[in-house]
Amino acid sequence: MPVFIVHGEYDRQANTPESAGPLLHFSVPDLYAAIPGPHKLMVRIACAGRSMVWERKSKVLRRISRQWLDKKSVEGLSSGSYHLDEDGVLTPAA
């Protein structure tokens, strides 16, 4: 099953530190790694937080979500982990 995960660079609820303890720690990249299968895509959006639909990046979120729903890809990418910078450029996540 295809999976698309989007998260904001400054979302501290979805990416809590390990020091928060085992019950409170959560990592979006760890979730991505735990999902089996080859057809999975994760995008971290620069300068976005927890409420991305209400932030300046909402148009970016809508655009890439629409691409995924229509084509099962974003900018021609259907798998991997990427960072979308302030200029709208997708680069592989480090």
N, C-alpha and C. Protein backbone atom coordinates (compact mmCIF):
# COMPACT_ATOMS: atom_id res chain seq x y z
N MET A 1 0.84 -1.17 0.00
CA MET A 1 0.00 0.00 0.00
C MET A 1 0.90 1.25 0.00
N PRO A 2 0.65 2.19 -0.88
CA PRO A 2 1.44 3.44 -0.90
C PRO A 2 1.21 4.26 0.36
N VAL A 3 2.28 4.86 0.86
CA VAL A 3 2.22 5.68 2.08
C VAL A 3 2.91 7.01 1.81
N PHE A 4 2.25 8.11 2.22
CA PHE A 4 2.82 9.45 2.08
C PHE A 4 2.77 10.12 3.44
N ILE A 5 3.92 10.51 3.96
CA ILE A 5 4.02 11.18 5.26
C ILE A 5 4.58 12.57 5.04
N VAL A 6 3.90 13.57 5.58
CA VAL A 6 4.38 14.95 5.51
C VAL A 6 4.47 15.48 6.94
N HIS A 7 5.58 16.14 7.24
CA HIS A 7 5.69 16.75 8.57
C HIS A 7 6.49 18.04 8.48
N GLY A 8 6.20 18.92 9.41
CA GLY A 8 6.87 20.21 9.44
C GLY A 8 8.19 20.15 10.18
N GLU A 9 9.12 20.93 9.71
CA GLU A 9 10.45 20.99 10.30
C GLU A 9 10.40 21.35 11.79
N TYR A 10 9.46 22.22 12.17
CA TYR A 10 9.39 22.69 13.56
C TYR A 10 8.29 22.02 14.38
N ASP A 11 7.77 20.90 13.91
CA ASP A 11 6.73 20.18 14.63
C ASP A 11 7.38 19.38 15.76
N ARG A 12 7.31 19.90 16.97
CA ARG A 12 7.94 19.25 18.12
C ARG A 12 7.01 18.26 18.80
N GLN A 13 5.75 18.20 18.42
CA GLN A 13 4.86 17.18 18.96
C GLN A 13 5.05 15.87 18.23
N ALA A 14 5.29 15.95 16.92
CA ALA A 14 5.50 14.73 16.13
C ALA A 14 6.94 14.25 16.19
N ASN A 15 7.83 15.06 16.68
CA ASN A 15 9.24 14.68 16.81
C ASN A 15 9.74 15.08 18.19
N THR A 16 9.38 14.29 19.16
CA THR A 16 9.79 14.57 20.54
C THR A 16 11.15 13.93 20.80
N PRO A 17 11.96 14.54 21.64
CA PRO A 17 13.29 13.98 21.91
C PRO A 17 13.21 12.69 22.73
N GLU A 18 14.25 11.88 22.61
CA GLU A 18 14.30 10.64 23.39
C GLU A 18 14.31 10.93 24.88
N SER A 19 14.81 12.11 25.26
CA SER A 19 14.86 12.47 26.67
C SER A 19 13.46 12.64 27.27
N ALA A 20 12.43 12.71 26.42
CA ALA A 20 11.05 12.82 26.91
C ALA A 20 10.60 11.52 27.57
N GLY A 21 11.34 10.46 27.36
CA GLY A 21 10.99 9.17 27.95
C GLY A 21 10.36 8.25 26.92
N PRO A 22 10.36 6.97 27.20
CA PRO A 22 9.88 5.99 26.22
C PRO A 22 8.39 6.12 25.87
N LEU A 23 7.60 6.62 26.80
CA LEU A 23 6.17 6.75 26.52
C LEU A 23 5.83 8.02 25.74
N LEU A 24 6.69 9.02 25.80
CA LEU A 24 6.42 10.29 25.14
C LEU A 24 7.25 10.51 23.88
N HIS A 25 8.31 9.72 23.71
CA HIS A 25 9.18 9.88 22.53
C HIS A 25 8.46 9.42 21.28
N PHE A 26 8.54 10.24 20.23
CA PHE A 26 8.01 9.86 18.92
C PHE A 26 8.87 10.50 17.85
N SER A 27 9.10 9.79 16.77
CA SER A 27 9.92 10.28 15.68
C SER A 27 9.26 9.93 14.35
N VAL A 28 8.96 10.94 13.55
CA VAL A 28 8.38 10.69 12.22
C VAL A 28 9.35 9.88 11.35
N PRO A 29 10.65 10.22 11.32
CA PRO A 29 11.57 9.38 10.53
C PRO A 29 11.61 7.92 11.00
N ASP A 30 11.51 7.69 12.31
CA ASP A 30 11.46 6.31 12.81
C ASP A 30 10.19 5.61 12.33
N LEU A 31 9.08 6.31 12.32
CA LEU A 31 7.82 5.75 11.81
C LEU A 31 7.98 5.38 10.34
N TYR A 32 8.55 6.27 9.56
CA TYR A 32 8.78 6.01 8.14
C TYR A 32 9.63 4.75 7.96
N ALA A 33 10.70 4.63 8.73
CA ALA A 33 11.60 3.48 8.62
C ALA A 33 10.89 2.18 9.01
N ALA A 34 9.93 2.25 9.91
CA ALA A 34 9.24 1.06 10.38
C ALA A 34 8.16 0.56 9.41
N ILE A 35 7.77 1.37 8.46
CA ILE A 35 6.73 0.97 7.50
C ILE A 35 7.36 0.09 6.44
N PRO A 36 6.85 -1.13 6.27
CA PRO A 36 7.43 -2.02 5.27
C PRO A 36 7.00 -1.63 3.85
N GLY A 37 7.75 -2.08 2.90
CA GLY A 37 7.39 -1.88 1.50
C GLY A 37 8.16 -0.78 0.83
N PRO A 38 8.21 -0.83 -0.50
CA PRO A 38 9.02 0.12 -1.25
C PRO A 38 8.31 1.42 -1.63
N HIS A 39 6.99 1.43 -1.63
CA HIS A 39 6.25 2.59 -2.14
C HIS A 39 5.82 3.49 -0.98
N LYS A 40 6.82 4.17 -0.41
CA LYS A 40 6.55 5.09 0.69
C LYS A 40 7.38 6.34 0.50
N LEU A 41 6.78 7.47 0.78
CA LEU A 41 7.42 8.76 0.57
C LEU A 41 7.23 9.62 1.80
N MET A 42 8.31 10.27 2.24
CA MET A 42 8.21 11.17 3.38
C MET A 42 8.83 12.51 2.98
N VAL A 43 8.11 13.60 3.31
CA VAL A 43 8.59 14.94 3.01
C VAL A 43 8.55 15.78 4.28
N ARG A 44 9.69 16.36 4.63
CA ARG A 44 9.77 17.32 5.74
C ARG A 44 9.76 18.71 5.11
N ILE A 45 8.83 19.55 5.53
CA ILE A 45 8.68 20.87 4.94
C ILE A 45 9.34 21.91 5.83
N ALA A 46 10.25 22.68 5.22
CA ALA A 46 10.99 23.73 5.94
C ALA A 46 10.03 24.81 6.42
N CYS A 47 10.35 25.36 7.58
CA CYS A 47 9.61 26.49 8.16
C CYS A 47 8.13 26.19 8.39
N ALA A 48 7.82 24.94 8.68
CA ALA A 48 6.44 24.56 8.97
C ALA A 48 6.40 23.88 10.33
N GLY A 49 5.26 24.00 10.98
CA GLY A 49 5.11 23.41 12.30
C GLY A 49 3.98 22.41 12.35
N ARG A 50 3.38 22.30 13.51
CA ARG A 50 2.33 21.33 13.77
C ARG A 50 1.03 21.63 13.03
N SER A 51 0.70 22.88 12.88
CA SER A 51 -0.57 23.29 12.27
C SER A 51 -0.37 23.79 10.85
N MET A 52 0.27 22.98 10.04
CA MET A 52 0.66 23.39 8.70
C MET A 52 -0.52 23.86 7.84
N VAL A 53 -1.69 23.28 8.04
CA VAL A 53 -2.85 23.69 7.23
C VAL A 53 -3.26 25.14 7.50
N TRP A 54 -2.82 25.70 8.63
CA TRP A 54 -3.14 27.09 8.99
C TRP A 54 -1.94 28.01 8.86
N GLU A 55 -0.83 27.48 8.41
CA GLU A 55 0.40 28.27 8.30
C GLU A 55 0.67 28.69 6.86
N ARG A 56 1.73 29.45 6.67
CA ARG A 56 2.10 29.92 5.33
C ARG A 56 2.36 28.79 4.36
N LYS A 57 2.74 27.65 4.85
CA LYS A 57 3.05 26.50 3.99
C LYS A 57 1.82 25.70 3.60
N SER A 58 0.63 26.19 3.91
CA SER A 58 -0.58 25.43 3.60
C SER A 58 -0.74 25.18 2.11
N LYS A 59 -0.37 26.13 1.28
CA LYS A 59 -0.49 25.94 -0.17
C LYS A 59 0.46 24.86 -0.67
N VAL A 60 1.64 24.82 -0.09
CA VAL A 60 2.61 23.78 -0.43
C VAL A 60 2.05 22.42 -0.03
N LEU A 61 1.50 22.33 1.17
CA LEU A 61 0.91 21.09 1.65
C LEU A 61 -0.22 20.63 0.73
N ARG A 62 -1.09 21.54 0.34
CA ARG A 62 -2.19 21.19 -0.57
C ARG A 62 -1.66 20.73 -1.92
N ARG A 63 -0.65 21.42 -2.44
CA ARG A 63 -0.10 21.07 -3.76
C ARG A 63 0.50 19.67 -3.77
N ILE A 64 1.35 19.38 -2.78
CA ILE A 64 2.00 18.07 -2.79
C ILE A 64 1.02 16.96 -2.42
N SER A 65 0.06 17.25 -1.57
CA SER A 65 -0.97 16.25 -1.23
C SER A 65 -1.80 15.91 -2.46
N ARG A 66 -2.13 16.92 -3.23
CA ARG A 66 -2.92 16.71 -4.46
C ARG A 66 -2.13 15.85 -5.45
N GLN A 67 -0.83 16.15 -5.59
CA GLN A 67 0.01 15.35 -6.48
C GLN A 67 0.01 13.89 -6.05
N TRP A 68 0.16 13.67 -4.75
CA TRP A 68 0.19 12.30 -4.24
C TRP A 68 -1.14 11.59 -4.50
N LEU A 69 -2.24 12.27 -4.24
CA LEU A 69 -3.54 11.66 -4.44
C LEU A 69 -3.83 11.38 -5.91
N ASP A 70 -3.39 12.25 -6.79
CA ASP A 70 -3.64 12.08 -8.23
C ASP A 70 -2.68 11.09 -8.88
N LYS A 71 -1.40 11.14 -8.51
CA LYS A 71 -0.36 10.41 -9.24
C LYS A 71 0.41 9.40 -8.41
N LYS A 72 0.18 9.38 -7.11
CA LYS A 72 0.97 8.55 -6.18
C LYS A 72 2.45 8.90 -6.26
N SER A 73 2.73 10.19 -6.54
CA SER A 73 4.09 10.70 -6.53
C SER A 73 4.06 12.21 -6.30
N VAL A 74 5.19 12.74 -5.87
CA VAL A 74 5.33 14.19 -5.66
C VAL A 74 6.56 14.61 -6.46
N GLU A 75 6.37 15.52 -7.39
CA GLU A 75 7.47 15.97 -8.25
C GLU A 75 8.18 14.78 -8.90
N GLY A 76 7.39 13.75 -9.24
CA GLY A 76 7.95 12.56 -9.89
C GLY A 76 8.57 11.55 -8.94
N LEU A 77 8.56 11.81 -7.65
CA LEU A 77 9.15 10.92 -6.66
C LEU A 77 8.06 10.10 -5.98
N SER A 78 8.24 8.79 -5.91
CA SER A 78 7.23 7.95 -5.27
C SER A 78 7.78 7.19 -4.07
N SER A 79 9.06 7.35 -3.80
CA SER A 79 9.63 6.71 -2.61
C SER A 79 10.86 7.49 -2.15
N GLY A 80 11.18 7.32 -0.89
CA GLY A 80 12.34 7.98 -0.31
C GLY A 80 11.95 9.03 0.70
N SER A 81 12.96 9.61 1.31
CA SER A 81 12.79 10.63 2.34
C SER A 81 13.42 11.93 1.84
N TYR A 82 12.65 13.02 1.86
CA TYR A 82 13.10 14.28 1.27
C TYR A 82 12.81 15.46 2.18
N HIS A 83 13.56 16.54 1.93
CA HIS A 83 13.35 17.82 2.61
C HIS A 83 12.93 18.82 1.54
N LEU A 84 11.84 19.53 1.78
CA LEU A 84 11.37 20.58 0.87
C LEU A 84 11.78 21.91 1.47
N ASP A 85 12.74 22.60 0.84
CA ASP A 85 13.26 23.83 1.42
C ASP A 85 12.35 25.02 1.15
N GLU A 86 12.77 26.20 1.63
CA GLU A 86 11.94 27.40 1.52
C GLU A 86 11.70 27.81 0.07
N ASP A 87 12.58 27.39 -0.84
CA ASP A 87 12.43 27.72 -2.25
C ASP A 87 11.62 26.69 -3.01
N GLY A 88 11.14 25.66 -2.32
CA GLY A 88 10.34 24.63 -2.97
C GLY A 88 11.15 23.54 -3.64
N VAL A 89 12.42 23.44 -3.27
CA VAL A 89 13.31 22.44 -3.86
C VAL A 89 13.35 21.20 -2.97
N LEU A 90 13.10 20.04 -3.57
CA LEU A 90 13.16 18.78 -2.84
C LEU A 90 14.58 18.21 -2.94
N THR A 91 15.15 17.89 -1.79
CA THR A 91 16.46 17.24 -1.75
C THR A 91 16.38 16.03 -0.84
N PRO A 92 17.16 15.00 -1.12
CA PRO A 92 17.15 13.83 -0.25
C PRO A 92 17.48 14.22 1.18
N ALA A 93 16.75 13.65 2.13
CA ALA A 93 16.99 13.93 3.55
C ALA A 93 18.30 13.29 3.98
N ALA A 94 18.96 13.97 4.86
CA ALA A 94 20.25 13.45 5.36
C ALA A 94 20.05 12.43 6.44
